[in-house]
């Protein structure tokens, strides 16, 4: 039981560390922007292209890009005066979220093995 409590505390602590990216991804508009970035050229796309793909204004796109960048979900590459935005797999937040989801999944799986009554049939 002590192991379970320790594991749940560890998950809770890690979840607290992932609040910014989860909040950033929780917004439907930012999800649209992430999708636009994922569907674009691997070199990134500019704000104007994102506005066309999402039907958002330039200021709205810039606002949401800033939030995604601050959350560590995307990055920007500058060429002269042009900024190109892209989903950056090297950003640690993506890995952190992946690891967290994996730990939650494994913990839930272990809990149902320990107590099969916790599995509700549909």
N, C-alpha and C. Protein backbone atom coordinates (compact mmCIF):
# COMPACT_ATOMS: atom_id res chain seq x y z
N UNK A 1 0.83 -1.20 0.00
CA UNK A 1 0.00 0.00 0.00
C UNK A 1 0.87 1.26 0.00
N UNK A 2 2.00 1.19 0.70
CA UNK A 2 2.91 2.35 0.77
C UNK A 2 3.48 2.66 -0.62
N UNK A 3 3.78 1.59 -1.37
CA UNK A 3 4.30 1.76 -2.73
C UNK A 3 3.27 2.49 -3.60
N UNK A 4 2.02 2.12 -3.43
CA UNK A 4 0.94 2.75 -4.20
C UNK A 4 0.84 4.23 -3.88
N UNK A 5 0.90 4.57 -2.59
CA UNK A 5 0.83 5.98 -2.18
C UNK A 5 2.00 6.77 -2.74
N UNK A 6 3.19 6.17 -2.68
CA UNK A 6 4.38 6.84 -3.20
C UNK A 6 4.25 7.08 -4.70
N UNK A 7 3.77 6.06 -5.42
CA UNK A 7 3.61 6.18 -6.87
C UNK A 7 2.57 7.25 -7.22
N UNK A 8 1.47 7.29 -6.50
CA UNK A 8 0.42 8.28 -6.77
C UNK A 8 0.92 9.69 -6.47
N UNK A 9 1.72 9.85 -5.42
CA UNK A 9 2.29 11.17 -5.12
C UNK A 9 3.24 11.59 -6.23
N UNK A 10 4.04 10.65 -6.71
CA UNK A 10 4.97 10.94 -7.80
C UNK A 10 4.21 11.37 -9.06
N UNK A 11 3.12 10.67 -9.37
CA UNK A 11 2.30 11.03 -10.52
C UNK A 11 1.70 12.41 -10.34
N UNK A 12 1.18 12.68 -9.14
CA UNK A 12 0.59 14.00 -8.86
C UNK A 12 1.62 15.10 -9.02
N UNK A 13 2.83 14.87 -8.51
CA UNK A 13 3.89 15.88 -8.64
C UNK A 13 4.24 16.12 -10.11
N UNK A 14 4.33 15.06 -10.87
CA UNK A 14 4.66 15.19 -12.30
C UNK A 14 3.53 15.88 -13.05
N UNK A 15 2.29 15.58 -12.67
CA UNK A 15 1.14 16.22 -13.30
C UNK A 15 1.16 17.73 -13.03
N UNK A 16 1.55 18.11 -11.83
CA UNK A 16 1.67 19.54 -11.51
C UNK A 16 2.70 20.21 -12.41
N UNK A 17 3.78 19.49 -12.71
CA UNK A 17 4.83 20.03 -13.59
C UNK A 17 4.34 20.17 -15.04
N UNK A 18 3.33 19.40 -15.39
CA UNK A 18 2.81 19.41 -16.77
C UNK A 18 1.58 20.31 -16.93
N UNK A 19 1.26 21.09 -15.93
CA UNK A 19 0.06 21.92 -16.01
C UNK A 19 0.07 22.86 -17.22
N UNK A 20 1.20 23.56 -17.41
CA UNK A 20 1.27 24.52 -18.52
C UNK A 20 0.99 23.87 -19.88
N UNK A 21 1.66 22.77 -20.20
CA UNK A 21 1.36 22.16 -21.50
C UNK A 21 -0.07 21.63 -21.60
N UNK A 22 -0.58 21.04 -20.51
CA UNK A 22 -1.96 20.55 -20.57
C UNK A 22 -2.95 21.69 -20.75
N UNK A 23 -2.72 22.80 -20.05
CA UNK A 23 -3.60 23.95 -20.23
C UNK A 23 -3.50 24.49 -21.65
N UNK A 24 -2.29 24.53 -22.18
CA UNK A 24 -2.10 25.02 -23.55
C UNK A 24 -2.83 24.12 -24.54
N UNK A 25 -2.73 22.82 -24.35
CA UNK A 25 -3.36 21.88 -25.27
C UNK A 25 -4.86 21.73 -25.02
N UNK A 26 -5.34 22.21 -23.88
CA UNK A 26 -6.75 22.10 -23.55
C UNK A 26 -7.64 23.05 -24.32
N UNK A 27 -7.05 24.01 -24.99
CA UNK A 27 -7.82 25.00 -25.75
C UNK A 27 -7.99 24.50 -27.18
N UNK A 28 -9.22 24.48 -27.66
CA UNK A 28 -9.51 23.96 -29.00
C UNK A 28 -8.80 24.76 -30.10
N UNK A 29 -8.70 26.06 -29.92
CA UNK A 29 -8.01 26.89 -30.91
C UNK A 29 -6.53 26.51 -30.99
N UNK A 30 -5.91 26.30 -29.86
CA UNK A 30 -4.50 25.91 -29.87
C UNK A 30 -4.32 24.50 -30.44
N UNK A 31 -5.31 23.65 -30.23
CA UNK A 31 -5.26 22.33 -30.86
C UNK A 31 -5.29 22.47 -32.38
N UNK A 32 -6.13 23.39 -32.88
CA UNK A 32 -6.18 23.65 -34.33
C UNK A 32 -4.82 24.12 -34.83
N UNK A 33 -4.18 24.97 -34.07
CA UNK A 33 -2.86 25.49 -34.47
C UNK A 33 -1.83 24.36 -34.47
N UNK A 34 -1.85 23.51 -33.45
CA UNK A 34 -0.92 22.37 -33.41
C UNK A 34 -1.16 21.48 -34.63
N UNK A 35 -2.41 21.22 -34.95
CA UNK A 35 -2.73 20.40 -36.13
C UNK A 35 -2.21 21.06 -37.39
N UNK A 36 -2.41 22.37 -37.52
CA UNK A 36 -1.91 23.10 -38.69
C UNK A 36 -0.39 22.98 -38.78
N UNK A 37 0.29 23.08 -37.66
CA UNK A 37 1.75 22.95 -37.65
C UNK A 37 2.17 21.54 -38.03
N UNK A 38 1.46 20.54 -37.52
CA UNK A 38 1.80 19.15 -37.82
C UNK A 38 1.55 18.80 -39.29
N UNK A 39 0.55 19.44 -39.88
CA UNK A 39 0.21 19.16 -41.28
C UNK A 39 1.04 19.98 -42.26
N UNK A 40 1.88 20.85 -41.75
CA UNK A 40 2.65 21.74 -42.61
C UNK A 40 4.02 21.17 -42.92
N UNK A 41 4.76 21.96 -43.66
CA UNK A 41 6.15 21.65 -44.01
C UNK A 41 6.95 21.45 -42.72
N UNK A 42 7.87 20.53 -42.73
CA UNK A 42 8.70 20.25 -41.55
C UNK A 42 9.59 21.43 -41.16
N UNK A 43 9.76 22.37 -42.06
CA UNK A 43 10.58 23.55 -41.77
C UNK A 43 9.81 24.61 -41.00
N UNK A 44 8.52 24.40 -40.79
CA UNK A 44 7.71 25.36 -40.07
C UNK A 44 6.88 26.22 -41.00
N UNK A 45 5.91 26.92 -40.42
CA UNK A 45 5.08 27.83 -41.21
C UNK A 45 4.97 29.16 -40.50
N UNK A 46 4.61 30.16 -41.29
CA UNK A 46 4.51 31.52 -40.78
C UNK A 46 3.10 31.80 -40.27
N UNK A 47 2.96 32.88 -39.52
CA UNK A 47 1.68 33.25 -38.93
C UNK A 47 0.61 33.39 -40.00
N UNK A 48 0.95 34.01 -41.13
CA UNK A 48 -0.03 34.19 -42.21
C UNK A 48 -0.61 32.88 -42.71
N UNK A 49 0.23 31.86 -42.82
CA UNK A 49 -0.25 30.55 -43.26
C UNK A 49 -1.16 29.92 -42.21
N UNK A 50 -0.82 30.14 -40.95
CA UNK A 50 -1.65 29.59 -39.86
C UNK A 50 -3.01 30.27 -39.86
N UNK A 51 -3.04 31.59 -40.12
CA UNK A 51 -4.33 32.30 -40.16
C UNK A 51 -5.22 31.73 -41.26
N UNK A 52 -4.64 31.39 -42.40
CA UNK A 52 -5.42 30.81 -43.50
C UNK A 52 -5.97 29.44 -43.13
N UNK A 53 -5.16 28.64 -42.45
CA UNK A 53 -5.57 27.27 -42.10
C UNK A 53 -6.59 27.24 -40.97
N UNK A 54 -6.56 28.25 -40.10
CA UNK A 54 -7.41 28.23 -38.91
C UNK A 54 -8.54 29.26 -38.93
N UNK A 55 -8.52 30.17 -39.90
CA UNK A 55 -9.50 31.26 -39.98
C UNK A 55 -9.48 32.16 -38.74
N UNK A 56 -8.31 32.31 -38.15
CA UNK A 56 -8.14 33.20 -37.01
C UNK A 56 -7.42 34.47 -37.47
N UNK A 57 -7.56 35.53 -36.71
CA UNK A 57 -6.84 36.77 -37.03
C UNK A 57 -5.36 36.61 -36.69
N UNK A 58 -4.53 37.45 -37.28
CA UNK A 58 -3.09 37.40 -36.98
C UNK A 58 -2.82 37.62 -35.49
N UNK A 59 -3.47 38.63 -34.86
CA UNK A 59 -3.23 38.82 -33.42
C UNK A 59 -3.64 37.59 -32.59
N UNK A 60 -4.75 36.95 -32.97
CA UNK A 60 -5.20 35.76 -32.23
C UNK A 60 -4.19 34.63 -32.39
N UNK A 61 -3.72 34.42 -33.62
CA UNK A 61 -2.73 33.37 -33.86
C UNK A 61 -1.46 33.66 -33.06
N UNK A 62 -0.99 34.90 -33.11
CA UNK A 62 0.22 35.27 -32.37
C UNK A 62 0.06 35.03 -30.88
N UNK A 63 -1.11 35.38 -30.35
CA UNK A 63 -1.40 35.17 -28.93
C UNK A 63 -1.30 33.68 -28.57
N UNK A 64 -1.95 32.84 -29.36
CA UNK A 64 -1.95 31.40 -29.08
C UNK A 64 -0.58 30.77 -29.31
N UNK A 65 0.16 31.25 -30.30
CA UNK A 65 1.52 30.75 -30.52
C UNK A 65 2.41 31.06 -29.33
N UNK A 66 2.24 32.24 -28.76
CA UNK A 66 3.03 32.63 -27.59
C UNK A 66 2.75 31.69 -26.42
N UNK A 67 1.48 31.37 -26.21
CA UNK A 67 1.11 30.45 -25.12
C UNK A 67 1.71 29.06 -25.36
N UNK A 68 1.61 28.58 -26.59
CA UNK A 68 2.17 27.27 -26.92
C UNK A 68 3.69 27.26 -26.77
N UNK A 69 4.32 28.34 -27.16
CA UNK A 69 5.79 28.44 -27.04
C UNK A 69 6.19 28.50 -25.57
N UNK A 70 5.48 29.31 -24.78
CA UNK A 70 5.77 29.41 -23.35
C UNK A 70 5.58 28.08 -22.63
N UNK A 71 4.65 27.26 -23.14
CA UNK A 71 4.39 25.95 -22.54
C UNK A 71 5.38 24.90 -23.01
N UNK A 72 6.27 25.27 -23.94
CA UNK A 72 7.27 24.33 -24.43
C UNK A 72 6.74 23.34 -25.44
N UNK A 73 5.65 23.69 -26.11
CA UNK A 73 5.03 22.77 -27.08
C UNK A 73 5.51 23.01 -28.51
N UNK A 74 5.90 24.23 -28.81
CA UNK A 74 6.36 24.58 -30.16
C UNK A 74 7.63 25.40 -30.06
N UNK A 75 8.24 25.62 -31.20
CA UNK A 75 9.42 26.46 -31.25
C UNK A 75 9.33 27.35 -32.48
N UNK A 76 10.25 28.27 -32.58
CA UNK A 76 10.26 29.21 -33.69
C UNK A 76 11.66 29.28 -34.27
N UNK A 77 11.72 29.37 -35.59
CA UNK A 77 12.99 29.54 -36.30
C UNK A 77 12.90 30.85 -37.06
N UNK A 78 13.93 31.65 -36.96
CA UNK A 78 13.94 32.96 -37.61
C UNK A 78 14.87 32.93 -38.82
N UNK A 79 14.36 33.44 -39.93
CA UNK A 79 15.16 33.63 -41.15
C UNK A 79 15.03 35.10 -41.53
N UNK A 80 16.02 35.87 -41.22
CA UNK A 80 15.93 37.32 -41.47
C UNK A 80 14.82 37.91 -40.64
N UNK A 81 13.80 38.45 -41.32
CA UNK A 81 12.67 39.03 -40.60
C UNK A 81 11.48 38.07 -40.53
N UNK A 82 11.64 36.87 -41.05
CA UNK A 82 10.54 35.90 -41.09
C UNK A 82 10.67 34.90 -39.95
N UNK A 83 9.54 34.63 -39.30
CA UNK A 83 9.48 33.65 -38.21
C UNK A 83 8.70 32.43 -38.68
N UNK A 84 9.27 31.26 -38.47
CA UNK A 84 8.63 30.00 -38.83
C UNK A 84 8.38 29.20 -37.55
N UNK A 85 7.14 28.78 -37.36
CA UNK A 85 6.75 28.04 -36.16
C UNK A 85 6.61 26.56 -36.50
N UNK A 86 6.99 25.71 -35.55
CA UNK A 86 6.92 24.27 -35.76
C UNK A 86 6.80 23.55 -34.42
N UNK A 87 6.22 22.35 -34.48
CA UNK A 87 6.16 21.48 -33.31
C UNK A 87 7.55 20.90 -33.14
N UNK A 88 8.11 21.10 -31.97
CA UNK A 88 9.50 20.70 -31.73
C UNK A 88 9.55 19.48 -30.83
N UNK A 89 9.84 18.33 -31.42
CA UNK A 89 9.91 17.09 -30.64
C UNK A 89 11.05 17.11 -29.63
N UNK A 90 12.04 17.97 -29.85
CA UNK A 90 13.15 18.03 -28.90
C UNK A 90 12.77 18.80 -27.64
N UNK A 91 11.64 19.50 -27.69
CA UNK A 91 11.17 20.20 -26.49
C UNK A 91 10.81 19.15 -25.44
N UNK A 92 11.28 19.33 -24.25
CA UNK A 92 11.12 18.32 -23.19
C UNK A 92 9.67 18.12 -22.76
N UNK A 93 8.79 19.07 -23.00
CA UNK A 93 7.41 18.93 -22.54
C UNK A 93 6.69 17.78 -23.23
N UNK A 94 6.94 17.56 -24.51
CA UNK A 94 6.29 16.45 -25.21
C UNK A 94 6.71 15.12 -24.58
N UNK A 95 7.98 14.97 -24.31
CA UNK A 95 8.50 13.75 -23.69
C UNK A 95 7.95 13.59 -22.27
N UNK A 96 7.89 14.69 -21.56
CA UNK A 96 7.37 14.66 -20.19
C UNK A 96 5.92 14.20 -20.17
N UNK A 97 5.11 14.70 -21.10
CA UNK A 97 3.70 14.30 -21.18
C UNK A 97 3.60 12.82 -21.54
N UNK A 98 4.39 12.40 -22.52
CA UNK A 98 4.39 11.00 -22.93
C UNK A 98 4.75 10.09 -21.75
N UNK A 99 5.79 10.45 -21.03
CA UNK A 99 6.21 9.66 -19.86
C UNK A 99 5.12 9.63 -18.80
N UNK A 100 4.49 10.78 -18.55
CA UNK A 100 3.44 10.86 -17.54
C UNK A 100 2.26 9.97 -17.91
N UNK A 101 1.82 10.05 -19.15
CA UNK A 101 0.69 9.22 -19.59
C UNK A 101 1.06 7.73 -19.46
N UNK A 102 2.28 7.39 -19.79
CA UNK A 102 2.73 6.00 -19.64
C UNK A 102 2.70 5.54 -18.20
N UNK A 103 3.15 6.38 -17.28
CA UNK A 103 3.16 6.03 -15.85
C UNK A 103 1.73 5.89 -15.33
N UNK A 104 0.85 6.80 -15.74
CA UNK A 104 -0.55 6.72 -15.31
C UNK A 104 -1.17 5.42 -15.82
N UNK A 105 -0.92 5.11 -17.08
CA UNK A 105 -1.46 3.88 -17.67
C UNK A 105 -0.95 2.64 -16.92
N UNK A 106 0.34 2.56 -16.70
CA UNK A 106 0.92 1.40 -16.01
C UNK A 106 0.38 1.29 -14.59
N UNK A 107 0.24 2.42 -13.91
CA UNK A 107 -0.29 2.41 -12.54
C UNK A 107 -1.73 1.92 -12.52
N UNK A 108 -2.53 2.41 -13.45
CA UNK A 108 -3.93 1.99 -13.51
C UNK A 108 -4.02 0.49 -13.82
N UNK A 109 -3.16 0.03 -14.71
CA UNK A 109 -3.13 -1.39 -15.06
C UNK A 109 -2.75 -2.23 -13.84
N UNK A 110 -1.74 -1.78 -13.09
CA UNK A 110 -1.31 -2.49 -11.88
C UNK A 110 -2.42 -2.51 -10.84
N UNK A 111 -3.12 -1.39 -10.68
CA UNK A 111 -4.19 -1.33 -9.68
C UNK A 111 -5.31 -2.30 -10.01
N UNK A 112 -5.65 -2.41 -11.29
CA UNK A 112 -6.72 -3.34 -11.65
C UNK A 112 -6.28 -4.79 -11.50
N UNK A 113 -4.99 -5.06 -11.64
CA UNK A 113 -4.48 -6.42 -11.40
C UNK A 113 -4.58 -6.75 -9.92
N UNK A 114 -4.24 -5.75 -9.07
CA UNK A 114 -4.26 -5.96 -7.62
C UNK A 114 -5.67 -6.12 -7.10
N UNK A 115 -6.63 -5.40 -7.69
CA UNK A 115 -8.01 -5.44 -7.22
C UNK A 115 -8.95 -5.46 -8.43
N UNK A 116 -9.30 -6.65 -8.91
CA UNK A 116 -10.14 -6.75 -10.11
C UNK A 116 -11.52 -6.12 -9.95
N UNK A 117 -11.96 -5.88 -8.71
CA UNK A 117 -13.26 -5.24 -8.49
C UNK A 117 -13.29 -3.82 -9.03
N UNK A 118 -12.10 -3.23 -9.24
CA UNK A 118 -12.02 -1.85 -9.74
C UNK A 118 -12.32 -1.76 -11.23
N UNK A 119 -12.40 -2.90 -11.89
CA UNK A 119 -12.71 -2.91 -13.32
C UNK A 119 -14.21 -3.06 -13.47
N UNK A 120 -14.84 -2.04 -13.99
CA UNK A 120 -16.28 -2.07 -14.19
C UNK A 120 -16.57 -2.51 -15.61
N UNK A 121 -17.46 -3.45 -15.75
CA UNK A 121 -17.85 -3.93 -17.08
C UNK A 121 -18.90 -2.98 -17.64
N UNK A 122 -18.83 -2.74 -18.94
CA UNK A 122 -19.81 -1.85 -19.59
C UNK A 122 -20.99 -2.65 -20.04
